[in-house]
Amino acid sequence: MTAVAYLGWYRTTEVEIEVSEEDVRRGYAEVGCFECEGTGWWAYMEPEEPGGPCVTCKGTGKVYVNC
């Protein structure tokens, strides 16, 4: 199943994502974080610095989207 996630400050950037039917619960699906690419670690932005947990997903690597 294809879903659309709206990202950005004003929620105007559309990103198509693929979710399976069993992942959707009560209209929400758990997908990999868009900011850290599912790693939960913020260091990918600046690899030479230690970084920290991703702010968007709180270090879990997963976010919920409304389907």
N, C-alpha and C. Protein backbone atom coordinates (compact mmCIF):
# COMPACT_ATOMS: atom_id res chain seq x y z
N MET A 1 0.85 -1.17 0.00
CA MET A 1 0.00 0.00 0.00
C MET A 1 0.90 1.24 0.00
N THR A 2 0.56 2.18 -0.82
CA THR A 2 1.32 3.42 -0.90
C THR A 2 0.62 4.50 -0.10
N ALA A 3 1.38 5.23 0.70
CA ALA A 3 0.85 6.34 1.48
C ALA A 3 1.69 7.57 1.18
N VAL A 4 1.16 8.72 1.50
CA VAL A 4 1.87 9.98 1.30
C VAL A 4 2.11 10.62 2.66
N ALA A 5 3.36 10.97 2.93
CA ALA A 5 3.71 11.69 4.15
C ALA A 5 4.04 13.12 3.76
N TYR A 6 3.56 14.07 4.53
CA TYR A 6 3.81 15.49 4.28
C TYR A 6 4.85 15.96 5.29
N LEU A 7 6.00 16.38 4.78
CA LEU A 7 7.12 16.77 5.63
C LEU A 7 7.42 18.25 5.48
N GLY A 8 8.27 18.77 6.35
CA GLY A 8 8.69 20.15 6.29
C GLY A 8 7.95 21.02 7.29
N TRP A 9 8.41 22.23 7.42
CA TRP A 9 7.85 23.16 8.40
C TRP A 9 6.37 23.40 8.15
N TYR A 10 6.00 23.59 6.88
CA TYR A 10 4.61 23.87 6.54
C TYR A 10 3.88 22.64 6.01
N ARG A 11 4.52 21.47 6.10
CA ARG A 11 3.95 20.20 5.63
C ARG A 11 3.55 20.27 4.16
N THR A 12 4.44 20.83 3.34
CA THR A 12 4.16 20.97 1.92
C THR A 12 4.98 20.02 1.05
N THR A 13 5.96 19.33 1.62
CA THR A 13 6.78 18.40 0.87
C THR A 13 6.15 17.01 0.94
N GLU A 14 5.73 16.51 -0.22
CA GLU A 14 5.10 15.19 -0.26
C GLU A 14 6.15 14.11 -0.50
N VAL A 15 6.09 13.04 0.31
CA VAL A 15 6.98 11.90 0.15
C VAL A 15 6.11 10.65 0.11
N GLU A 16 6.22 9.89 -0.98
CA GLU A 16 5.48 8.63 -1.07
C GLU A 16 6.26 7.55 -0.34
N ILE A 17 5.55 6.78 0.48
CA ILE A 17 6.17 5.69 1.22
C ILE A 17 5.36 4.43 1.00
N GLU A 18 6.01 3.31 1.12
CA GLU A 18 5.37 2.02 0.97
C GLU A 18 5.20 1.40 2.36
N VAL A 19 3.97 1.09 2.72
CA VAL A 19 3.68 0.45 4.00
C VAL A 19 2.87 -0.81 3.74
N SER A 20 3.07 -1.81 4.58
CA SER A 20 2.31 -3.04 4.43
C SER A 20 1.03 -2.97 5.25
N GLU A 21 0.06 -3.75 4.87
CA GLU A 21 -1.25 -3.72 5.55
C GLU A 21 -1.13 -4.08 7.02
N GLU A 22 -0.22 -5.00 7.37
CA GLU A 22 -0.11 -5.40 8.78
C GLU A 22 0.59 -4.37 9.65
N ASP A 23 1.31 -3.42 9.01
CA ASP A 23 1.96 -2.36 9.77
C ASP A 23 0.99 -1.26 10.19
N VAL A 24 -0.14 -1.16 9.51
CA VAL A 24 -1.10 -0.09 9.78
C VAL A 24 -2.00 -0.49 10.95
N ARG A 25 -1.99 0.33 11.98
CA ARG A 25 -2.83 0.11 13.15
C ARG A 25 -3.57 1.39 13.47
N ARG A 26 -4.90 1.30 13.46
CA ARG A 26 -5.75 2.45 13.76
C ARG A 26 -5.43 3.66 12.90
N GLY A 27 -5.06 3.41 11.65
CA GLY A 27 -4.80 4.50 10.71
C GLY A 27 -3.39 5.04 10.72
N TYR A 28 -2.50 4.48 11.53
CA TYR A 28 -1.11 4.94 11.59
C TYR A 28 -0.17 3.78 11.28
N ALA A 29 0.91 4.09 10.60
CA ALA A 29 1.93 3.09 10.28
C ALA A 29 3.27 3.54 10.84
N GLU A 30 4.05 2.58 11.31
CA GLU A 30 5.38 2.87 11.83
C GLU A 30 6.38 2.68 10.69
N VAL A 31 7.12 3.73 10.35
CA VAL A 31 8.09 3.68 9.26
C VAL A 31 9.43 4.22 9.76
N GLY A 32 10.47 4.02 8.97
CA GLY A 32 11.79 4.54 9.32
C GLY A 32 11.80 6.06 9.33
N CYS A 33 12.58 6.62 10.22
CA CYS A 33 12.66 8.07 10.36
C CYS A 33 13.22 8.70 9.08
N PHE A 34 12.63 9.82 8.68
CA PHE A 34 13.05 10.49 7.46
C PHE A 34 14.32 11.30 7.67
N GLU A 35 14.58 11.77 8.87
CA GLU A 35 15.75 12.62 9.14
C GLU A 35 17.04 11.82 9.28
N CYS A 36 17.02 10.74 10.05
CA CYS A 36 18.24 9.96 10.30
C CYS A 36 18.29 8.70 9.47
N GLU A 37 17.34 8.52 8.56
CA GLU A 37 17.26 7.36 7.68
C GLU A 37 17.11 6.06 8.47
N GLY A 38 16.46 6.13 9.62
CA GLY A 38 16.16 4.94 10.41
C GLY A 38 17.25 4.46 11.33
N THR A 39 18.34 5.20 11.44
CA THR A 39 19.43 4.76 12.32
C THR A 39 19.24 5.19 13.76
N GLY A 40 18.51 6.27 13.98
CA GLY A 40 18.33 6.79 15.32
C GLY A 40 19.48 7.67 15.79
N TRP A 41 20.47 7.83 14.93
CA TRP A 41 21.68 8.57 15.29
C TRP A 41 21.83 9.77 14.37
N TRP A 42 22.13 10.92 14.91
CA TRP A 42 22.21 12.16 14.17
C TRP A 42 23.55 12.36 13.49
N ALA A 43 24.52 11.49 13.70
CA ALA A 43 25.89 11.70 13.21
C ALA A 43 26.02 11.65 11.70
N TYR A 44 25.03 11.14 10.99
CA TYR A 44 25.18 11.06 9.54
C TYR A 44 25.27 12.45 8.90
N MET A 45 24.74 13.49 9.58
CA MET A 45 24.81 14.84 9.04
C MET A 45 26.24 15.38 9.08
N GLU A 46 26.95 15.13 10.17
CA GLU A 46 28.33 15.57 10.32
C GLU A 46 29.14 14.42 10.90
N PRO A 47 29.63 13.51 10.04
CA PRO A 47 30.27 12.29 10.53
C PRO A 47 31.53 12.51 11.37
N GLU A 48 32.20 13.66 11.21
CA GLU A 48 33.43 13.86 11.99
C GLU A 48 33.15 14.25 13.44
N GLU A 49 31.93 14.67 13.73
CA GLU A 49 31.56 15.00 15.11
C GLU A 49 30.72 13.88 15.69
N PRO A 50 30.75 13.69 17.02
CA PRO A 50 30.05 12.56 17.62
C PRO A 50 28.53 12.60 17.46
N GLY A 51 27.92 13.77 17.34
CA GLY A 51 26.47 13.85 17.19
C GLY A 51 25.73 13.38 18.43
N GLY A 52 24.53 12.89 18.25
CA GLY A 52 23.71 12.41 19.35
C GLY A 52 22.47 11.75 18.78
N PRO A 53 21.53 11.43 19.65
CA PRO A 53 20.31 10.81 19.14
C PRO A 53 19.52 11.77 18.25
N CYS A 54 18.82 11.21 17.29
CA CYS A 54 18.02 12.01 16.36
C CYS A 54 16.91 12.74 17.13
N VAL A 55 16.73 14.00 16.82
CA VAL A 55 15.73 14.81 17.49
C VAL A 55 14.32 14.43 17.05
N THR A 56 14.16 14.11 15.78
CA THR A 56 12.83 13.82 15.24
C THR A 56 12.25 12.54 15.82
N CYS A 57 13.04 11.46 15.84
CA CYS A 57 12.52 10.17 16.32
C CYS A 57 12.96 9.84 17.74
N LYS A 58 13.65 10.75 18.40
CA LYS A 58 14.13 10.56 19.77
C LYS A 58 15.07 9.36 19.90
N GLY A 59 15.80 9.05 18.81
CA GLY A 59 16.77 7.97 18.83
C GLY A 59 16.22 6.58 18.57
N THR A 60 14.95 6.46 18.27
CA THR A 60 14.36 5.14 18.03
C THR A 60 14.53 4.68 16.59
N GLY A 61 14.66 5.61 15.65
CA GLY A 61 14.77 5.25 14.25
C GLY A 61 13.42 5.04 13.58
N LYS A 62 12.33 5.19 14.31
CA LYS A 62 10.98 4.98 13.76
C LYS A 62 10.09 6.18 14.05
N VAL A 63 9.19 6.48 13.11
CA VAL A 63 8.18 7.52 13.29
C VAL A 63 6.84 6.95 12.82
N TYR A 64 5.77 7.57 13.28
CA TYR A 64 4.44 7.17 12.86
C TYR A 64 3.91 8.15 11.82
N VAL A 65 3.25 7.60 10.80
CA VAL A 65 2.61 8.43 9.78
C VAL A 65 1.14 8.04 9.70
N ASN A 66 0.32 9.00 9.38
CA ASN A 66 -1.11 8.76 9.22
C ASN A 66 -1.38 8.24 7.82
N CYS A 67 -2.06 7.14 7.72
CA CYS A 67 -2.36 6.53 6.40
C CYS A 67 -3.79 6.71 6.02
